[in-house]
Structures are given as structure tokens and as C-alpha cells.
């Protein structure tokens, strides 16, 4: 009887864990670092965003370090003679060699050193409006 109860408990715990994970993934408004990023607004200078981020947990080796700024992922794109940058805020340790993960990072999009917007909902609009690449497909 005890063995059956233990198996039932394990199955129930697993089901609750899977359910909680699905619920968290479904909460699109729950961006990583949302409280910290709340003061980020359109037109905010790049230096202010970098200062707000502080020191990040991302690491890389050799040439990979060119894709990291102050411990955060950094991407730059030249599109129609305009320079777009994406800084990805994250809290969890990791390596820049890992693909961009929506559950771990939040993008901040800049044009010529000024914030256009932030968050995955905004990035989706920026992909179509500015032709920014989809970082999630690069996995």
C-alpha cells in the first residue's frame, strides 16, 4: 500500500510541475526582468539601458565574447542604412553559445543608440516593421 501511495504522489507531483511550467510559459506578459525594465521607454539612450542592466550572468569564450556586452547578449544589424541593436536582459547564468530563449531573456530594441521598445511582444512587431531577424529560429 505504501509503495502505491508513493507512486501516486510522484505522478501527482510531476503533473503539478508540468502544469505550473505550462502556466508560466502562457503568461506572455511576464517578461524576464519586467520590474527592472519598467522604466525603459522609447527614446531612452543606450547608455542608460546598459547602466540599468548592470553586470549580467552571460559568459563566452574567445570570439563569442564579441556577442556579449557587460554580461548580456548583444546583436547588431544594419538594415536600410540604419543600425539596429538588440540587448537581451537575463538573470540566469549561461553561455552566449546557447540559443536565445524567450523564457530566459528579454529583448530591448534600439535604433541609432535610442530605445524603440522592449519585450517579446514588441520584438514581434519590430521583426515585421524593421525586418529584424527572428532570434528564436537560430537555435
N, C-alpha and C. Protein backbone atom coordinates (compact mmCIF):
# COMPACT_ATOMS: atom_id res chain seq x y z
N UNK A 1 0.82 -1.20 0.00
CA UNK A 1 0.00 0.00 0.00
C UNK A 1 0.87 1.26 0.00
N UNK A 2 1.90 1.31 0.81
CA UNK A 2 2.79 2.47 0.89
C UNK A 2 3.47 2.73 -0.46
N UNK A 3 3.89 1.65 -1.15
CA UNK A 3 4.56 1.79 -2.44
C UNK A 3 3.61 2.43 -3.47
N UNK A 4 2.33 2.01 -3.48
CA UNK A 4 1.35 2.58 -4.40
C UNK A 4 1.10 4.07 -4.11
N UNK A 5 1.05 4.42 -2.82
CA UNK A 5 0.85 5.82 -2.45
C UNK A 5 2.03 6.68 -2.92
N UNK A 6 3.24 6.13 -2.78
CA UNK A 6 4.43 6.84 -3.18
C UNK A 6 4.43 7.09 -4.69
N UNK A 7 4.03 6.07 -5.49
CA UNK A 7 3.96 6.23 -6.94
C UNK A 7 2.91 7.27 -7.32
N UNK A 8 1.77 7.25 -6.63
CA UNK A 8 0.71 8.21 -6.90
C UNK A 8 1.19 9.63 -6.59
N UNK A 9 1.92 9.77 -5.48
CA UNK A 9 2.45 11.08 -5.09
C UNK A 9 3.44 11.60 -6.14
N UNK A 10 4.30 10.73 -6.64
CA UNK A 10 5.28 11.12 -7.66
C UNK A 10 4.56 11.56 -8.93
N UNK A 11 3.54 10.78 -9.36
CA UNK A 11 2.79 11.14 -10.56
C UNK A 11 2.06 12.47 -10.39
N UNK A 12 1.46 12.67 -9.23
CA UNK A 12 0.75 13.91 -8.96
C UNK A 12 1.72 15.10 -8.95
N UNK A 13 2.87 14.91 -8.31
CA UNK A 13 3.88 15.97 -8.26
C UNK A 13 4.36 16.32 -9.67
N UNK A 14 4.59 15.31 -10.49
CA UNK A 14 5.02 15.54 -11.87
C UNK A 14 3.97 16.29 -12.66
N UNK A 15 2.71 15.91 -12.49
CA UNK A 15 1.62 16.58 -13.20
C UNK A 15 1.52 18.04 -12.77
N UNK A 16 1.67 18.31 -11.47
CA UNK A 16 1.62 19.69 -10.99
C UNK A 16 2.78 20.51 -11.54
N UNK A 17 3.96 19.90 -11.60
CA UNK A 17 5.13 20.60 -12.13
C UNK A 17 4.94 20.94 -13.60
N UNK A 18 4.45 20.00 -14.39
CA UNK A 18 4.20 20.25 -15.81
C UNK A 18 3.14 21.33 -15.96
N UNK A 19 2.09 21.27 -15.17
CA UNK A 19 1.03 22.28 -15.23
C UNK A 19 1.54 23.66 -14.90
N UNK A 20 2.37 23.76 -13.86
CA UNK A 20 2.94 25.06 -13.47
C UNK A 20 3.84 25.61 -14.56
N UNK A 21 4.62 24.74 -15.20
CA UNK A 21 5.52 25.17 -16.28
C UNK A 21 4.71 25.71 -17.45
N UNK A 22 3.64 25.02 -17.82
CA UNK A 22 2.78 25.46 -18.93
C UNK A 22 2.13 26.80 -18.59
N UNK A 23 1.69 26.96 -17.35
CA UNK A 23 1.07 28.22 -16.92
C UNK A 23 2.07 29.37 -17.02
N UNK A 24 3.30 29.15 -16.58
CA UNK A 24 4.31 30.19 -16.65
C UNK A 24 4.63 30.55 -18.10
N UNK A 25 4.73 29.55 -18.94
CA UNK A 25 5.03 29.81 -20.36
C UNK A 25 3.89 30.57 -21.02
N UNK A 26 2.66 30.36 -20.58
CA UNK A 26 1.50 31.01 -21.17
C UNK A 26 1.39 32.48 -20.76
N UNK A 27 2.06 32.85 -19.69
CA UNK A 27 1.99 34.23 -19.20
C UNK A 27 2.92 35.11 -20.02
N UNK A 28 2.48 35.53 -21.19
CA UNK A 28 3.30 36.32 -22.09
C UNK A 28 3.72 37.67 -21.52
N UNK A 29 2.93 38.20 -20.58
CA UNK A 29 3.25 39.50 -20.01
C UNK A 29 4.33 39.40 -18.94
N UNK A 30 4.75 38.24 -18.60
CA UNK A 30 5.74 38.03 -17.55
C UNK A 30 7.14 37.95 -18.17
N UNK A 31 7.63 39.08 -18.65
CA UNK A 31 8.96 39.14 -19.25
C UNK A 31 10.02 38.98 -18.16
N UNK A 32 11.14 38.37 -18.52
CA UNK A 32 12.27 38.28 -17.60
C UNK A 32 12.74 39.69 -17.28
N UNK A 33 12.83 40.02 -16.00
CA UNK A 33 13.30 41.34 -15.59
C UNK A 33 12.29 42.45 -15.79
N UNK A 34 11.00 42.12 -15.88
CA UNK A 34 9.97 43.13 -16.17
C UNK A 34 10.00 44.30 -15.19
N UNK A 35 10.21 44.01 -13.91
CA UNK A 35 10.24 45.10 -12.92
C UNK A 35 11.43 46.02 -13.17
N UNK A 36 12.59 45.44 -13.45
CA UNK A 36 13.78 46.23 -13.72
C UNK A 36 13.62 47.05 -15.01
N UNK A 37 12.99 46.45 -16.01
CA UNK A 37 12.86 47.08 -17.32
C UNK A 37 11.71 48.09 -17.41
N UNK A 38 10.87 48.14 -16.39
CA UNK A 38 9.70 49.02 -16.42
C UNK A 38 10.04 50.47 -16.77
N UNK A 39 11.15 51.05 -16.26
CA UNK A 39 11.46 52.43 -16.63
C UNK A 39 12.01 52.62 -18.04
N UNK A 40 12.31 51.53 -18.75
CA UNK A 40 12.83 51.64 -20.12
C UNK A 40 11.70 52.16 -21.02
N UNK A 41 11.99 53.20 -21.78
CA UNK A 41 10.98 53.82 -22.63
C UNK A 41 11.57 54.22 -23.97
N UNK A 42 10.69 54.43 -24.94
CA UNK A 42 11.13 54.85 -26.28
C UNK A 42 11.93 56.14 -26.17
N UNK A 43 13.07 56.17 -26.87
CA UNK A 43 13.93 57.34 -26.87
C UNK A 43 15.00 57.31 -25.79
N UNK A 44 14.91 56.36 -24.85
CA UNK A 44 15.91 56.27 -23.77
C UNK A 44 17.28 55.96 -24.38
N UNK A 45 18.33 56.67 -23.95
CA UNK A 45 19.66 56.43 -24.51
C UNK A 45 20.21 55.05 -24.15
N UNK A 46 20.97 54.50 -25.05
CA UNK A 46 21.59 53.18 -24.89
C UNK A 46 22.38 53.08 -23.58
N UNK A 47 23.18 54.11 -23.28
CA UNK A 47 24.00 54.09 -22.06
C UNK A 47 23.15 53.93 -20.80
N UNK A 48 21.98 54.54 -20.80
CA UNK A 48 21.08 54.43 -19.65
C UNK A 48 20.57 53.00 -19.49
N UNK A 49 20.28 52.35 -20.61
CA UNK A 49 19.82 50.96 -20.56
C UNK A 49 20.93 50.06 -20.04
N UNK A 50 22.14 50.24 -20.54
CA UNK A 50 23.28 49.43 -20.11
C UNK A 50 23.53 49.63 -18.61
N UNK A 51 23.42 50.87 -18.13
CA UNK A 51 23.59 51.15 -16.70
C UNK A 51 22.49 50.47 -15.89
N UNK A 52 21.27 50.53 -16.38
CA UNK A 52 20.13 49.90 -15.71
C UNK A 52 20.32 48.39 -15.60
N UNK A 53 20.81 47.77 -16.67
CA UNK A 53 21.06 46.32 -16.68
C UNK A 53 22.06 45.92 -15.61
N UNK A 54 23.11 46.71 -15.43
CA UNK A 54 24.17 46.31 -14.51
C UNK A 54 25.06 45.26 -15.14
N UNK A 55 25.62 44.39 -14.33
CA UNK A 55 26.51 43.31 -14.81
C UNK A 55 25.70 42.04 -14.98
N UNK A 56 25.79 41.43 -16.15
CA UNK A 56 24.99 40.25 -16.47
C UNK A 56 25.69 38.93 -16.22
N UNK A 57 24.95 37.82 -16.28
CA UNK A 57 25.46 36.50 -15.96
C UNK A 57 25.93 35.68 -17.16
N UNK A 58 25.93 36.26 -18.36
CA UNK A 58 26.27 35.50 -19.57
C UNK A 58 27.78 35.45 -19.78
N UNK A 59 28.27 34.30 -20.22
CA UNK A 59 29.70 34.14 -20.48
C UNK A 59 29.92 33.67 -21.90
N UNK A 60 31.16 33.77 -22.35
CA UNK A 60 31.54 33.30 -23.67
C UNK A 60 33.04 33.15 -23.74
N UNK A 61 33.53 32.46 -24.73
CA UNK A 61 34.96 32.25 -24.92
C UNK A 61 35.41 32.83 -26.26
N UNK A 62 36.59 33.40 -26.25
CA UNK A 62 37.26 33.87 -27.45
C UNK A 62 36.37 34.78 -28.29
N UNK A 63 36.12 34.43 -29.55
CA UNK A 63 35.35 35.29 -30.47
C UNK A 63 33.90 35.46 -30.01
N UNK A 64 33.37 34.49 -29.24
CA UNK A 64 31.99 34.61 -28.75
C UNK A 64 31.80 35.83 -27.87
N UNK A 65 32.87 36.31 -27.25
CA UNK A 65 32.74 37.46 -26.36
C UNK A 65 32.35 38.72 -27.12
N UNK A 66 32.49 38.74 -28.44
CA UNK A 66 32.05 39.89 -29.23
C UNK A 66 30.53 40.03 -29.23
N UNK A 67 29.85 38.94 -28.91
CA UNK A 67 28.38 38.97 -28.86
C UNK A 67 27.85 39.24 -27.45
N UNK A 68 28.76 39.60 -26.54
CA UNK A 68 28.39 39.88 -25.15
C UNK A 68 28.82 41.30 -24.81
N UNK A 69 27.92 41.99 -24.13
CA UNK A 69 28.28 43.31 -23.60
C UNK A 69 27.88 43.35 -22.13
N UNK A 70 28.87 43.53 -21.28
CA UNK A 70 28.64 43.65 -19.84
C UNK A 70 27.90 42.44 -19.27
N UNK A 71 28.10 41.27 -19.87
CA UNK A 71 27.46 40.05 -19.38
C UNK A 71 26.08 39.78 -19.96
N UNK A 72 25.70 40.51 -21.01
CA UNK A 72 24.40 40.31 -21.67
C UNK A 72 24.60 40.12 -23.16
N UNK A 73 23.71 39.35 -23.78
CA UNK A 73 23.76 39.11 -25.22
C UNK A 73 23.51 40.42 -25.96
N UNK A 74 24.23 40.61 -27.04
CA UNK A 74 24.14 41.82 -27.86
C UNK A 74 24.15 41.42 -29.33
N UNK A 75 23.21 41.95 -30.09
CA UNK A 75 23.18 41.73 -31.54
C UNK A 75 23.05 43.07 -32.23
N UNK A 76 23.68 43.21 -33.38
CA UNK A 76 23.59 44.46 -34.16
C UNK A 76 23.27 44.11 -35.61
N UNK A 77 22.44 44.94 -36.24
CA UNK A 77 22.02 44.70 -37.61
C UNK A 77 22.04 46.01 -38.38
N UNK A 78 22.55 45.99 -39.59
CA UNK A 78 22.50 47.14 -40.48
C UNK A 78 21.42 46.84 -41.52
N UNK A 79 20.31 47.57 -41.44
CA UNK A 79 19.17 47.34 -42.32
C UNK A 79 18.75 48.68 -42.91
N UNK A 80 18.74 48.77 -44.23
CA UNK A 80 18.37 50.02 -44.91
C UNK A 80 19.17 51.21 -44.38
N UNK A 81 20.47 51.03 -44.24
CA UNK A 81 21.39 52.07 -43.77
C UNK A 81 21.11 52.56 -42.35
N UNK A 82 20.40 51.76 -41.57
CA UNK A 82 20.12 52.09 -40.17
C UNK A 82 20.71 51.00 -39.29
N UNK A 83 21.25 51.40 -38.14
CA UNK A 83 21.85 50.45 -37.22
C UNK A 83 20.87 50.11 -36.10
N UNK A 84 20.43 48.86 -36.10
CA UNK A 84 19.55 48.36 -35.04
C UNK A 84 20.40 47.51 -34.10
N UNK A 85 20.11 47.61 -32.82
CA UNK A 85 20.77 46.77 -31.83
C UNK A 85 19.71 46.11 -30.98
N UNK A 86 20.03 44.92 -30.50
CA UNK A 86 19.16 44.25 -29.56
C UNK A 86 20.04 43.84 -28.38
N UNK A 87 19.66 44.32 -27.21
CA UNK A 87 20.30 43.91 -25.97
C UNK A 87 19.32 42.99 -25.27
N UNK A 88 19.79 41.85 -24.81
CA UNK A 88 18.91 40.87 -24.18
C UNK A 88 19.17 40.84 -22.68
N UNK A 89 18.19 41.26 -21.89
CA UNK A 89 18.32 41.19 -20.44
C UNK A 89 18.04 39.76 -19.99
N UNK A 90 18.84 39.29 -19.02
CA UNK A 90 18.63 37.96 -18.45
C UNK A 90 19.13 37.95 -17.03
N UNK A 91 18.64 36.99 -16.25
CA UNK A 91 19.06 36.84 -14.86
C UNK A 91 19.77 35.53 -14.62
N UNK A 92 19.47 34.52 -15.43
CA UNK A 92 20.05 33.19 -15.24
C UNK A 92 21.42 33.09 -15.89
N UNK A 93 22.38 32.44 -15.21
CA UNK A 93 23.69 32.23 -15.81
C UNK A 93 23.58 31.39 -17.09
N UNK A 94 24.52 31.57 -17.99
CA UNK A 94 24.52 30.80 -19.22
C UNK A 94 25.66 31.22 -20.11
N UNK A 95 25.68 30.66 -21.31
CA UNK A 95 26.71 30.95 -22.29
C UNK A 95 26.08 31.55 -23.53
N UNK A 96 26.79 32.46 -24.17
CA UNK A 96 26.28 33.09 -25.39
C UNK A 96 26.15 32.07 -26.52
N UNK A 97 26.79 30.92 -26.39
CA UNK A 97 26.68 29.89 -27.42
C UNK A 97 25.31 29.21 -27.40
N UNK A 98 24.58 29.34 -26.30
CA UNK A 98 23.21 28.80 -26.24
C UNK A 98 22.31 29.71 -27.09
N UNK A 99 21.27 29.15 -27.66
CA UNK A 99 20.35 29.95 -28.44
C UNK A 99 19.55 30.90 -27.56
N UNK A 100 18.99 31.94 -28.17
CA UNK A 100 18.13 32.86 -27.44
C UNK A 100 16.91 32.09 -26.96
N UNK A 101 16.53 32.32 -25.71
CA UNK A 101 15.42 31.60 -25.10
C UNK A 101 14.44 32.62 -24.52
N UNK A 102 13.22 32.57 -25.01
CA UNK A 102 12.17 33.51 -24.60
C UNK A 102 11.88 33.46 -23.11
N UNK A 103 12.09 32.30 -22.49
CA UNK A 103 11.81 32.15 -21.07
C UNK A 103 12.97 32.62 -20.19
N UNK A 104 14.11 32.95 -20.81
CA UNK A 104 15.31 33.32 -20.06
C UNK A 104 15.75 34.75 -20.34
N UNK A 105 15.40 35.29 -21.53
CA UNK A 105 15.90 36.60 -21.94
C UNK A 105 14.76 37.51 -22.43
N UNK A 106 14.96 38.80 -22.27
CA UNK A 106 14.01 39.79 -22.75
C UNK A 106 14.75 40.79 -23.65
N UNK A 107 14.29 40.97 -24.89
CA UNK A 107 14.98 41.90 -25.81
C UNK A 107 14.62 43.37 -25.59
N UNK A 108 15.62 44.21 -25.76
CA UNK A 108 15.42 45.67 -25.81
C UNK A 108 15.96 46.10 -27.17
N UNK A 109 15.11 46.70 -28.01
CA UNK A 109 15.47 47.07 -29.38
C UNK A 109 15.83 48.55 -29.44
N UNK A 110 16.98 48.83 -30.07
CA UNK A 110 17.45 50.20 -30.20
C UNK A 110 17.71 50.54 -31.66
N UNK A 111 17.52 51.80 -32.00
CA UNK A 111 17.86 52.33 -33.32
C UNK A 111 18.75 53.54 -33.11
N UNK A 112 19.93 53.48 -33.69
CA UNK A 112 20.90 54.57 -33.56
C UNK A 112 21.11 55.01 -32.11
N UNK A 113 21.21 54.03 -31.22
CA UNK A 113 21.52 54.32 -29.82
C UNK A 113 20.37 54.77 -28.95
N UNK A 114 19.13 54.66 -29.46
CA UNK A 114 17.94 55.04 -28.69
C UNK A 114 16.94 53.89 -28.68
N UNK A 115 16.30 53.68 -27.55
CA UNK A 115 15.34 52.59 -27.41
C UNK A 115 14.12 52.83 -28.29
N UNK A 116 13.73 51.77 -29.00
CA UNK A 116 12.47 51.77 -29.75
C UNK A 116 11.37 51.12 -28.91
N UNK A 117 11.73 50.05 -28.21
CA UNK A 117 10.78 49.31 -27.38
C UNK A 117 11.45 48.09 -26.78
N UNK A 118 10.72 47.38 -25.90
CA UNK A 118 11.29 46.18 -25.30
C UNK A 118 10.21 45.14 -25.06
N UNK A 119 10.66 43.90 -24.91
CA UNK A 119 9.75 42.77 -24.67
C UNK A 119 9.51 41.98 -25.95
N UNK A 120 9.05 40.75 -25.77
CA UNK A 120 8.85 39.87 -26.92
C UNK A 120 7.68 40.31 -27.79
N UNK A 121 6.66 40.88 -27.18
CA UNK A 121 5.54 41.38 -27.97
C UNK A 121 6.02 42.50 -28.89
N UNK A 122 6.83 43.40 -28.36
CA UNK A 122 7.38 44.47 -29.18
C UNK A 122 8.31 43.91 -30.25
N UNK A 123 9.15 42.95 -29.88
CA UNK A 123 10.10 42.40 -30.84
C UNK A 123 9.37 41.77 -32.03
N UNK A 124 8.25 41.14 -31.77
CA UNK A 124 7.45 40.56 -32.86
C UNK A 124 7.03 41.62 -33.87
N UNK A 125 6.62 42.79 -33.38
CA UNK A 125 6.26 43.90 -34.27
C UNK A 125 7.49 44.42 -35.01
N UNK A 126 8.62 44.51 -34.29
CA UNK A 126 9.85 45.03 -34.88
C UNK A 126 10.36 44.12 -35.99
N UNK A 127 10.12 42.81 -35.88
CA UNK A 127 10.56 41.89 -36.93
C UNK A 127 9.86 42.22 -38.24
N UNK A 128 8.56 42.52 -38.17
CA UNK A 128 7.86 42.82 -39.42
C UNK A 128 8.10 44.26 -39.87
N UNK A 129 8.13 45.21 -38.94
CA UNK A 129 8.29 46.61 -39.32
C UNK A 129 9.71 46.96 -39.78
N UNK A 130 10.71 46.43 -39.07
CA UNK A 130 12.10 46.79 -39.39
C UNK A 130 12.88 45.66 -40.04
N UNK A 131 12.23 44.53 -40.25
CA UNK A 131 12.85 43.34 -40.84
C UNK A 131 13.99 42.76 -39.99
N UNK A 132 13.82 42.84 -38.68
CA UNK A 132 14.80 42.22 -37.78
C UNK A 132 14.64 40.70 -37.85
N UNK A 133 15.73 39.96 -37.74
CA UNK A 133 15.64 38.51 -37.82
C UNK A 133 14.99 37.92 -36.57
N UNK A 134 14.45 36.74 -36.71
CA UNK A 134 13.83 36.02 -35.58
C UNK A 134 14.94 35.30 -34.82
N UNK A 135 15.27 35.76 -33.62
CA UNK A 135 16.36 35.13 -32.87
C UNK A 135 16.02 33.75 -32.35
N UNK A 136 14.74 33.43 -32.28
CA UNK A 136 14.33 32.12 -31.75
C UNK A 136 14.52 31.02 -32.77
N UNK A 137 14.57 31.35 -34.04
CA UNK A 137 14.79 30.34 -35.09
C UNK A 137 16.26 29.98 -35.26
N UNK A 138 17.12 30.74 -34.64
CA UNK A 138 18.56 30.50 -34.78
C UNK A 138 19.07 29.39 -33.87
N UNK A 139 18.18 28.71 -33.17
CA UNK A 139 18.58 27.65 -32.23
C UNK A 139 19.18 26.48 -32.92
